[in-house]
PDB file of N, CA and C in Angstrom:
ATOM      1  N   UNK A   1     158.460 248.246   6.902  1.00  0.00           N
ATOM      2  CA  UNK A   1     157.617 248.941   7.867  1.00  0.00           C
ATOM      3  C   UNK A   1     158.165 248.641   9.259  1.00  0.00           C
ATOM      4  N   UNK A   2     158.514 249.656  10.011  1.00  0.00           N
ATOM      5  CA  UNK A   2     159.110 249.425  11.333  1.00  0.00           C
ATOM      6  C   UNK A   2     158.059 249.152  12.415  1.00  0.00           C
ATOM      7  N   UNK A   3     157.099 248.302  12.138  1.00  0.00           N
ATOM      8  CA  UNK A   3     156.032 248.038  13.086  1.00  0.00           C
ATOM      9  C   UNK A   3     156.550 247.363  14.352  1.00  0.00           C
ATOM     10  N   UNK A   4     157.358 246.345  14.202  1.00  0.00           N
ATOM     11  CA  UNK A   4     157.807 245.584  15.360  1.00  0.00           C
ATOM     12  C   UNK A   4     158.908 246.280  16.143  1.00  0.00           C
ATOM     13  N   UNK A   5     159.677 247.124  15.492  1.00  0.00           N
ATOM     14  CA  UNK A   5     160.745 247.831  16.203  1.00  0.00           C
ATOM     15  C   UNK A   5     160.231 249.095  16.893  1.00  0.00           C
ATOM     16  N   UNK A   6     159.016 249.524  16.567  1.00  0.00           N
ATOM     17  CA  UNK A   6     158.464 250.750  17.150  1.00  0.00           C
ATOM     18  C   UNK A   6     157.446 250.513  18.261  1.00  0.00           C
ATOM     19  N   UNK A   7     157.308 249.291  18.723  1.00  0.00           N
ATOM     20  CA  UNK A   7     156.362 249.044  19.816  1.00  0.00           C
ATOM     21  C   UNK A   7     157.020 249.437  21.141  1.00  0.00           C
ATOM     22  N   UNK A   8     156.225 249.813  22.138  1.00  0.00           N
ATOM     23  CA  UNK A   8     156.799 250.192  23.435  1.00  0.00           C
ATOM     24  C   UNK A   8     157.553 249.026  24.094  1.00  0.00           C
ATOM     25  N   UNK A   9     158.526 249.361  24.942  1.00  0.00           N
ATOM     26  CA  UNK A   9     159.225 248.329  25.710  1.00  0.00           C
ATOM     27  C   UNK A   9     158.203 247.516  26.494  1.00  0.00           C
ATOM     28  N   UNK A  10     158.459 246.221  26.622  1.00  0.00           N
ATOM     29  CA  UNK A  10     157.547 245.355  27.364  1.00  0.00           C
ATOM     30  C   UNK A  10     156.365 244.876  26.538  1.00  0.00           C
ATOM     31  N   UNK A  11     156.441 245.069  25.220  1.00  0.00           N
ATOM     32  CA  UNK A  11     155.372 244.609  24.339  1.00  0.00           C
ATOM     33  C   UNK A  11     155.792 243.310  23.671  1.00  0.00           C
ATOM     34  N   UNK A  12     154.891 242.335  23.693  1.00  0.00           N
ATOM     35  CA  UNK A  12     155.132 241.057  23.039  1.00  0.00           C
ATOM     36  C   UNK A  12     154.237 240.951  21.812  1.00  0.00           C
ATOM     37  N   UNK A  13     154.755 240.402  20.734  1.00  0.00           N
ATOM     38  CA  UNK A  13     153.947 240.078  19.558  1.00  0.00           C
ATOM     39  C   UNK A  13     153.712 238.570  19.613  1.00  0.00           C
ATOM     40  N   UNK A  14     152.472 238.179  19.867  1.00  0.00           N
ATOM     41  CA  UNK A  14     152.145 236.764  20.025  1.00  0.00           C
ATOM     42  C   UNK A  14     151.415 236.234  18.800  1.00  0.00           C
ATOM     43  N   UNK A  15     151.774 235.024  18.375  1.00  0.00           N
ATOM     44  CA  UNK A  15     151.074 234.362  17.286  1.00  0.00           C
ATOM     45  C   UNK A  15     149.765 233.813  17.831  1.00  0.00           C
ATOM     46  N   UNK A  16     148.662 234.283  17.273  1.00  0.00           N
ATOM     47  CA  UNK A  16     147.338 233.864  17.709  1.00  0.00           C
ATOM     48  C   UNK A  16     146.864 232.672  16.882  1.00  0.00           C
ATOM     49  N   UNK A  17     147.192 232.714  15.588  1.00  0.00           N
ATOM     50  CA  UNK A  17     146.776 231.645  14.679  1.00  0.00           C
ATOM     51  C   UNK A  17     147.755 231.594  13.523  1.00  0.00           C
ATOM     52  N   UNK A  18     147.974 230.389  13.001  1.00  0.00           N
ATOM     53  CA  UNK A  18     148.900 230.228  11.890  1.00  0.00           C
ATOM     54  C   UNK A  18     148.359 229.124  10.985  1.00  0.00           C
ATOM     55  N   UNK A  19     148.384 229.381   9.698  1.00  0.00           N
ATOM     56  CA  UNK A  19     147.898 228.393   8.733  1.00  0.00           C
ATOM     57  C   UNK A  19     148.867 228.341   7.567  1.00  0.00           C
ATOM     58  N   UNK A  20     149.223 227.113   7.158  1.00  0.00           N
ATOM     59  CA  UNK A  20     150.177 226.923   6.072  1.00  0.00           C
ATOM     60  C   UNK A  20     149.602 225.921   5.073  1.00  0.00           C
ATOM     61  N   UNK A  21     149.743 226.252   3.796  1.00  0.00           N
ATOM     62  CA  UNK A  21     149.361 225.300   2.747  1.00  0.00           C
ATOM     63  C   UNK A  21     150.592 225.070   1.872  1.00  0.00           C
ATOM     64  N   UNK A  22     151.082 223.838   1.880  1.00  0.00           N
ATOM     65  CA  UNK A  22     152.242 223.482   1.058  1.00  0.00           C
ATOM     66  C   UNK A  22     151.738 223.086  -0.327  1.00  0.00           C
ATOM     67  N   UNK A  23     152.289 223.706  -1.362  1.00  0.00           N
ATOM     68  CA  UNK A  23     151.819 223.482  -2.725  1.00  0.00           C
ATOM     69  C   UNK A  23     152.811 222.709  -3.582  1.00  0.00           C
ATOM     70  N   UNK A  24     154.095 222.911  -3.311  1.00  0.00           N
ATOM     71  CA  UNK A  24     155.143 222.328  -4.142  1.00  0.00           C
ATOM     72  C   UNK A  24     156.426 222.273  -3.319  1.00  0.00           C
ATOM     73  N   UNK A  25     157.218 221.222  -3.449  1.00  0.00           N
ATOM     74  CA  UNK A  25     158.490 221.188  -2.715  1.00  0.00           C
ATOM     75  C   UNK A  25     159.389 222.350  -3.128  1.00  0.00           C
ATOM     76  N   UNK A  26     160.102 222.862  -2.159  1.00  0.00           N
ATOM     77  CA  UNK A  26     161.078 223.923  -2.414  1.00  0.00           C
ATOM     78  C   UNK A  26     162.450 223.344  -2.091  1.00  0.00           C
ATOM     79  N   UNK A  27     163.136 222.915  -3.126  1.00  0.00           N
ATOM     80  CA  UNK A  27     164.437 222.288  -2.957  1.00  0.00           C
ATOM     81  C   UNK A  27     165.484 223.317  -2.557  1.00  0.00           C
ATOM     82  N   UNK A  28     166.439 222.890  -1.735  1.00  0.00           N
ATOM     83  CA  UNK A  28     167.534 223.772  -1.348  1.00  0.00           C
ATOM     84  C   UNK A  28     168.460 223.961  -2.548  1.00  0.00           C
ATOM     85  N   UNK A  29     168.725 225.235  -2.868  1.00  0.00           N
ATOM     86  CA  UNK A  29     169.574 225.546  -4.021  1.00  0.00           C
ATOM     87  C   UNK A  29     170.614 226.611  -3.694  1.00  0.00           C
ATOM     88  N   UNK A  30     170.718 227.043  -2.450  1.00  0.00           N
ATOM     89  CA  UNK A  30     171.638 228.110  -2.065  1.00  0.00           C
ATOM     90  C   UNK A  30     171.319 229.413  -2.808  1.00  0.00           C
ATOM     91  N   UNK A  31     170.030 229.594  -3.124  1.00  0.00           N
ATOM     92  CA  UNK A  31     169.529 230.808  -3.767  1.00  0.00           C
ATOM     93  C   UNK A  31     168.336 231.265  -2.934  1.00  0.00           C
ATOM     94  N   UNK A  32     168.269 232.524  -2.559  1.00  0.00           N
ATOM     95  CA  UNK A  32     167.142 232.982  -1.731  1.00  0.00           C
ATOM     96  C   UNK A  32     165.799 232.825  -2.454  1.00  0.00           C
ATOM     97  N   UNK A  33     164.817 232.358  -1.710  1.00  0.00           N
ATOM     98  CA  UNK A  33     163.457 232.261  -2.245  1.00  0.00           C
ATOM     99  C   UNK A  33     162.808 233.635  -2.204  1.00  0.00           C
ATOM    100  N   UNK A  34     161.943 233.892  -3.156  1.00  0.00           N
ATOM    101  CA  UNK A  34     161.197 235.152  -3.176  1.00  0.00           C
ATOM    102  C   UNK A  34     159.961 235.000  -2.291  1.00  0.00           C
ATOM    103  N   UNK A  35     159.714 235.997  -1.440  1.00  0.00           N
ATOM    104  CA  UNK A  35     158.571 235.950  -0.533  1.00  0.00           C
ATOM    105  C   UNK A  35     157.769 237.238  -0.681  1.00  0.00           C
ATOM    106  N   UNK A  36     156.483 237.089  -0.992  1.00  0.00           N
ATOM    107  CA  UNK A  36     155.561 238.226  -1.030  1.00  0.00           C
ATOM    108  C   UNK A  36     154.838 238.264   0.309  1.00  0.00           C
ATOM    109  N   UNK A  37     154.815 239.433   0.958  1.00  0.00           N
ATOM    110  CA  UNK A  37     154.176 239.589   2.269  1.00  0.00           C
ATOM    111  C   UNK A  37     153.258 240.807   2.222  1.00  0.00           C
ATOM    112  N   UNK A  38     152.059 240.666   2.810  1.00  0.00           N
ATOM    113  CA  UNK A  38     151.142 241.793   2.905  1.00  0.00           C
ATOM    114  C   UNK A  38     150.244 241.619   4.125  1.00  0.00           C
ATOM    115  N   UNK A  39     149.573 242.688   4.480  1.00  0.00           N
ATOM    116  CA  UNK A  39     148.641 242.681   5.610  1.00  0.00           C
ATOM    117  C   UNK A  39     147.266 242.335   5.050  1.00  0.00           C
ATOM    118  N   UNK A  40     146.664 241.276   5.575  1.00  0.00           N
ATOM    119  CA  UNK A  40     145.354 240.870   5.071  1.00  0.00           C
ATOM    120  C   UNK A  40     144.233 241.191   6.057  1.00  0.00           C
ATOM    121  N   UNK A  41     144.604 241.646   7.239  1.00  0.00           N
ATOM    122  CA  UNK A  41     143.571 242.000   8.201  1.00  0.00           C
ATOM    123  C   UNK A  41     144.100 242.887   9.307  1.00  0.00           C
ATOM    124  N   UNK A  42     143.299 243.877   9.676  1.00  0.00           N
ATOM    125  CA  UNK A  42     143.620 244.773  10.788  1.00  0.00           C
ATOM    126  C   UNK A  42     142.411 244.817  11.709  1.00  0.00           C
ATOM    127  N   UNK A  43     142.620 244.468  12.942  1.00  0.00           N
ATOM    128  CA  UNK A  43     141.562 244.558  13.945  1.00  0.00           C
ATOM    129  C   UNK A  43     142.038 245.521  15.025  1.00  0.00           C
ATOM    130  N   UNK A  44     141.221 245.724  16.024  1.00  0.00           N
ATOM    131  CA  UNK A  44     141.558 246.684  17.085  1.00  0.00           C
ATOM    132  C   UNK A  44     142.890 246.356  17.744  1.00  0.00           C
ATOM    133  N   UNK A  45     143.121 245.084  18.048  1.00  0.00           N
ATOM    134  CA  UNK A  45     144.334 244.704  18.776  1.00  0.00           C
ATOM    135  C   UNK A  45     145.088 243.565  18.091  1.00  0.00           C
ATOM    136  N   UNK A  46     144.866 243.377  16.786  1.00  0.00           N
ATOM    137  CA  UNK A  46     145.528 242.275  16.084  1.00  0.00           C
ATOM    138  C   UNK A  46     145.708 242.624  14.608  1.00  0.00           C
ATOM    139  N   UNK A  47     146.635 241.925  13.981  1.00  0.00           N
ATOM    140  CA  UNK A  47     146.816 242.054  12.551  1.00  0.00           C
ATOM    141  C   UNK A  47     147.125 240.694  11.974  1.00  0.00           C
ATOM    142  N   UNK A  48     146.828 240.535  10.698  1.00  0.00           N
ATOM    143  CA  UNK A  48     147.089 239.273  10.020  1.00  0.00           C
ATOM    144  C   UNK A  48     148.016 239.537   8.844  1.00  0.00           C
ATOM    145  N   UNK A  49     149.072 238.744   8.761  1.00  0.00           N
ATOM    146  CA  UNK A  49     150.023 238.820   7.658  1.00  0.00           C
ATOM    147  C   UNK A  49     149.850 237.590   6.788  1.00  0.00           C
ATOM    148  N   UNK A  50     149.781 237.781   5.483  1.00  0.00           N
ATOM    149  CA  UNK A  50     149.742 236.671   4.543  1.00  0.00           C
ATOM    150  C   UNK A  50     151.031 236.685   3.751  1.00  0.00           C
ATOM    151  N   UNK A  51     151.449 235.512   3.317  1.00  0.00           N
ATOM    152  CA  UNK A  51     152.674 235.464   2.529  1.00  0.00           C
ATOM    153  C   UNK A  51     152.679 234.264   1.603  1.00  0.00           C
ATOM    154  N   UNK A  52     153.367 234.443   0.481  1.00  0.00           N
ATOM    155  CA  UNK A  52     153.545 233.395  -0.510  1.00  0.00           C
ATOM    156  C   UNK A  52     155.040 233.262  -0.747  1.00  0.00           C
ATOM    157  N   UNK A  53     155.524 232.030  -0.685  1.00  0.00           N
ATOM    158  CA  UNK A  53     156.941 231.754  -0.944  1.00  0.00           C
ATOM    159  C   UNK A  53     157.045 231.128  -2.331  1.00  0.00           C
ATOM    160  N   UNK A  54     157.905 231.724  -3.170  1.00  0.00           N
ATOM    161  CA  UNK A  54     158.072 231.284  -4.552  1.00  0.00           C
ATOM    162  C   UNK A  54     159.410 230.580  -4.742  1.00  0.00           C
ATOM    163  N   UNK A  55     159.410 229.589  -5.604  1.00  0.00           N
ATOM    164  CA  UNK A  55     160.651 228.931  -6.009  1.00  0.00           C
ATOM    165  C   UNK A  55     161.491 229.965  -6.755  1.00  0.00           C
ATOM    166  N   UNK A  56     162.750 230.182  -6.340  1.00  0.00           N
ATOM    167  CA  UNK A  56     163.561 231.226  -6.980  1.00  0.00           C
ATOM    168  C   UNK A  56     163.979 230.887  -8.414  1.00  0.00           C
ATOM    169  N   UNK A  57     163.862 229.628  -8.797  1.00  0.00           N
ATOM    170  CA  UNK A  57     164.298 229.237 -10.137  1.00  0.00           C
ATOM    171  C   UNK A  57     163.182 229.352 -11.167  1.00  0.00           C
ATOM    172  N   UNK A  58     161.969 228.905 -10.811  1.00  0.00           N
ATOM    173  CA  UNK A  58     160.890 228.920 -11.806  1.00  0.00           C
ATOM    174  C   UNK A  58     159.728 229.843 -11.438  1.00  0.00           C
ATOM    175  N   UNK A  59     159.777 230.443 -10.227  1.00  0.00           N
ATOM    176  CA  UNK A  59     158.746 231.383  -9.818  1.00  0.00           C
ATOM    177  C   UNK A  59     157.443 230.773  -9.334  1.00  0.00           C
ATOM    178  N   UNK A  60     157.326 229.449  -9.368  1.00  0.00           N
ATOM    179  CA  UNK A  60     156.095 228.798  -8.920  1.00  0.00           C
ATOM    180  C   UNK A  60     155.872 229.005  -7.426  1.00  0.00           C
ATOM    181  N   UNK A  61     154.603 229.067  -7.041  1.00  0.00           N
ATOM    182  CA  UNK A  61     154.256 229.157  -5.622  1.00  0.00           C
ATOM    183  C   UNK A  61     154.539 227.816  -4.949  1.00  0.00           C
ATOM    184  N   UNK A  62     155.247 227.861  -3.841  1.00  0.00           N
ATOM    185  CA  UNK A  62     155.548 226.656  -3.079  1.00  0.00           C
ATOM    186  C   UNK A  62     154.764 226.601  -1.779  1.00  0.00           C
ATOM    187  N   UNK A  63     154.559 227.757  -1.164  1.00  0.00           N
ATOM    188  CA  UNK A  63     153.880 227.823   0.126  1.00  0.00           C
ATOM    189  C   UNK A  63     152.983 229.055   0.150  1.00  0.00           C
ATOM    190  N   UNK A  64     151.790 228.881   0.732  1.00  0.00           N
ATOM    191  CA  UNK A  64     150.888 229.995   1.048  1.00  0.00           C
ATOM    192  C   UNK A  64     150.632 229.902   2.544  1.00  0.00           C
ATOM    193  N   UNK A  65     150.716 231.035   3.233  1.00  0.00           N
ATOM    194  CA  UNK A  65     150.542 230.994   4.685  1.00  0.00           C
ATOM    195  C   UNK A  65     149.948 232.294   5.198  1.00  0.00           C
ATOM    196  N   UNK A  66     149.388 232.203   6.386  1.00  0.00           N
ATOM    197  CA  UNK A  66     148.837 233.370   7.056  1.00  0.00           C
ATOM    198  C   UNK A  66     149.141 233.256   8.543  1.00  0.00           C
ATOM    199  N   UNK A  67     149.441 234.380   9.159  1.00  0.00           N
ATOM    200  CA  UNK A  67     149.738 234.424  10.589  1.00  0.00           C
ATOM    201  C   UNK A  67     149.006 235.598  11.214  1.00  0.00           C
ATOM    202  N   UNK A  68     148.206 235.308  12.228  1.00  0.00           N
ATOM    203  CA  UNK A  68     147.519 236.354  12.984  1.00  0.00           C
ATOM    204  C   UNK A  68     148.346 236.650  14.234  1.00  0.00           C
ATOM    205  N   UNK A  69     148.580 237.932  14.486  1.00  0.00           N
ATOM    206  CA  UNK A  69     149.398 238.376  15.620  1.00  0.00           C
ATOM    207  C   UNK A  69     148.607 239.335  16.496  1.00  0.00           C
ATOM    208  N   UNK A  70     148.899 239.285  17.775  1.00  0.00           N
ATOM    209  CA  UNK A  70     148.329 240.247  18.717  1.00  0.00           C
ATOM    210  C   UNK A  70     149.463 240.805  19.557  1.00  0.00           C
ATOM    211  N   UNK A  71     149.372 242.083  19.891  1.00  0.00           N
ATOM    212  CA  UNK A  71     150.356 242.713  20.762  1.00  0.00           C
ATOM    213  C   UNK A  71     149.829 242.692  22.189  1.00  0.00           C
ATOM    214  N   UNK A  72     150.701 242.301  23.121  1.00  0.00           N
ATOM    215  CA  UNK A  72     150.317 242.132  24.522  1.00  0.00           C
ATOM    216  C   UNK A  72     151.343 242.820  25.412  1.00  0.00           C
ATOM    217  N   UNK A  73     150.862 243.474  26.465  1.00  0.00           N
ATOM    218  CA  UNK A  73     151.750 244.047  27.463  1.00  0.00           C
ATOM    219  C   UNK A  73     152.283 242.898  28.307  1.00  0.00           C
ATOM    220  N   UNK A  74     153.599 242.749  28.334  1.00  0.00           N
ATOM    221  CA  UNK A  74     154.238 241.628  29.017  1.00  0.00           C
ATOM    222  C   UNK A  74     153.922 241.613  30.508  1.00  0.00           C
ATOM    223  N   UNK A  75     153.894 242.764  31.133  1.00  0.00           N
ATOM    224  CA  UNK A  75     153.692 242.851  32.579  1.00  0.00           C
ATOM    225  C   UNK A  75     152.246 242.557  32.989  1.00  0.00           C
ATOM    226  N   UNK A  76     151.286 243.123  32.254  1.00  0.00           N
ATOM    227  CA  UNK A  76     149.878 242.991  32.643  1.00  0.00           C
ATOM    228  C   UNK A  76     149.151 241.862  31.921  1.00  0.00           C
ATOM    229  N   UNK A  77     149.688 241.433  30.773  1.00  0.00           N
ATOM    230  CA  UNK A  77     149.019 240.409  29.985  1.00  0.00           C
ATOM    231  C   UNK A  77     147.844 240.946  29.175  1.00  0.00           C
ATOM    232  N   UNK A  78     147.654 242.246  29.172  1.00  0.00           N
ATOM    233  CA  UNK A  78     146.532 242.859  28.459  1.00  0.00           C
ATOM    234  C   UNK A  78     146.874 243.102  26.990  1.00  0.00           C
ATOM    235  N   UNK A  79     145.862 242.937  26.147  1.00  0.00           N
ATOM    236  CA  UNK A  79     146.031 243.240  24.733  1.00  0.00           C
ATOM    237  C   UNK A  79     146.276 244.732  24.541  1.00  0.00           C
ATOM    238  N   UNK A  80     147.102 245.059  23.565  1.00  0.00           N
ATOM    239  CA  UNK A  80     147.377 246.451  23.219  1.00  0.00           C
ATOM    240  C   UNK A  80     146.749 246.741  21.861  1.00  0.00           C
ATOM    241  N   UNK A  81     145.990 247.793  21.802  1.00  0.00           N
ATOM    242  CA  UNK A  81     145.358 248.179  20.544  1.00  0.00           C
ATOM    243  C   UNK A  81     146.396 248.743  19.583  1.00  0.00           C
ATOM    244  N   UNK A  82     146.161 248.534  18.297  1.00  0.00           N
ATOM    245  CA  UNK A  82     146.996 249.174  17.290  1.00  0.00           C
ATOM    246  C   UNK A  82     146.714 250.669  17.308  1.00  0.00           C
ATOM    247  N   UNK A  83     147.758 251.460  17.245  1.00  0.00           N
ATOM    248  CA  UNK A  83     147.591 252.915  17.258  1.00  0.00           C
ATOM    249  C   UNK A  83     147.210 253.409  15.861  1.00  0.00           C
ATOM    250  N   UNK A  84     146.740 254.632  15.795  1.00  0.00           N
ATOM    251  CA  UNK A  84     146.426 255.239  14.498  1.00  0.00           C
ATOM    252  C   UNK A  84     147.674 255.321  13.626  1.00  0.00           C
ATOM    253  N   UNK A  85     148.808 255.608  14.235  1.00  0.00           N
ATOM    254  CA  UNK A  85     150.070 255.689  13.486  1.00  0.00           C
ATOM    255  C   UNK A  85     150.419 254.322  12.900  1.00  0.00           C
ATOM    256  N   UNK A  86     150.276 253.259  13.690  1.00  0.00           N
ATOM    257  CA  UNK A  86     150.558 251.910  13.186  1.00  0.00           C
ATOM    258  C   UNK A  86     149.624 251.569  12.022  1.00  0.00           C
ATOM    259  N   UNK A  87     148.352 251.891  12.167  1.00  0.00           N
ATOM    260  CA  UNK A  87     147.377 251.613  11.100  1.00  0.00           C
ATOM    261  C   UNK A  87     147.726 252.379   9.821  1.00  0.00           C
ATOM    262  N   UNK A  88     148.150 253.634   9.963  1.00  0.00           N
ATOM    263  CA  UNK A  88     148.540 254.435   8.801  1.00  0.00           C
ATOM    264  C   UNK A  88     149.753 253.830   8.104  1.00  0.00           C
ATOM    265  N   UNK A  89     150.715 253.346   8.880  1.00  0.00           N
ATOM    266  CA  UNK A  89     151.915 252.730   8.295  1.00  0.00           C
ATOM    267  C   UNK A  89     151.564 251.443   7.547  1.00  0.00           C
ATOM    268  N   UNK A  90     150.601 250.703   8.060  1.00  0.00           N
ATOM    269  CA  UNK A  90     150.240 249.421   7.452  1.00  0.00           C
ATOM    270  C   UNK A  90     149.293 249.558   6.266  1.00  0.00           C
ATOM    271  N   UNK A  91     148.556 250.653   6.193  1.00  0.00           N
ATOM    272  CA  UNK A  91     147.511 250.828   5.176  1.00  0.00           C
ATOM    273  C   UNK A  91     147.978 250.559   3.738  1.00  0.00           C
ATOM    274  N   UNK A  92     149.152 251.012   3.327  1.00  0.00           N
ATOM    275  CA  UNK A  92     149.569 250.762   1.935  1.00  0.00           C
ATOM    276  C   UNK A  92     149.822 249.281   1.623  1.00  0.00           C
ATOM    277  N   UNK A  93     149.918 248.455   2.655  1.00  0.00           N
ATOM    278  CA  UNK A  93     150.258 247.042   2.463  1.00  0.00           C
ATOM    279  C   UNK A  93     149.064 246.112   2.650  1.00  0.00           C
ATOM    280  N   UNK A  94     147.876 246.672   2.792  1.00  0.00           N
ATOM    281  CA  UNK A  94     146.684 245.852   3.021  1.00  0.00           C
ATOM    282  C   UNK A  94     146.196 245.285   1.697  1.00  0.00           C
ATOM    283  N   UNK A  95     145.923 243.983   1.714  1.00  0.00           N
ATOM    284  CA  UNK A  95     145.407 243.285   0.530  1.00  0.00           C
ATOM    285  C   UNK A  95     144.462 242.184   0.950  1.00  0.00           C
ATOM    286  N   UNK A  96     143.959 241.469  -0.021  1.00  0.00           N
ATOM    287  CA  UNK A  96     143.002 240.384   0.220  1.00  0.00           C
ATOM    288  C   UNK A  96     143.698 239.198   0.877  1.00  0.00           C
ATOM    289  N   UNK A  97     143.001 238.535   1.776  1.00  0.00           N
ATOM    290  CA  UNK A  97     143.537 237.359   2.455  1.00  0.00           C
ATOM    291  C   UNK A  97     143.576 236.139   1.558  1.00  0.00           C
ATOM    292  N   UNK A  98     144.582 235.312   1.725  1.00  0.00           N
ATOM    293  CA  UNK A  98     144.739 234.104   0.929  1.00  0.00           C
ATOM    294  C   UNK A  98     143.645 233.083   1.179  1.00  0.00           C
ATOM    295  N   UNK A  99     143.170 232.991   2.397  1.00  0.00           N
ATOM    296  CA  UNK A  99     142.241 231.928   2.761  1.00  0.00           C
ATOM    297  C   UNK A  99     140.824 232.440   2.969  1.00  0.00           C
ATOM    298  N   UNK A 100     140.541 233.647   2.478  1.00  0.00           N
ATOM    299  CA  UNK A 100     139.186 234.178   2.578  1.00  0.00           C
ATOM    300  C   UNK A 100     138.264 233.382   1.689  1.00  0.00           C
ATOM    301  N   UNK A 101     137.050 233.255   2.130  1.00  0.00           N
ATOM    302  CA  UNK A 101     136.060 232.502   1.319  1.00  0.00           C
ATOM    303  C   UNK A 101     135.151 233.431   0.612  1.00  0.00           C
TER     304      UNK A 101
END
């Protein structure tokens, strides 16, 4: 999804919140780890991405994490709302949050 490459010039994507839960060591093996990523939340001016990192050898979950992002105009410091086009692009990737209660 070209969300980050399609923002207007002068737009910053800022990390608002980040949470990580380490479940199992992920040893270096010179093999790429598998990462599942999805959108777990869409608000007026923010989105939340959740992801799970899997051990490439046995498939076990090693890390669960979530990152909340907000788009900000660099010059004014004002939050930028997600456009309808951005929301439409993200809609197929929306799923349940990892840390929802």
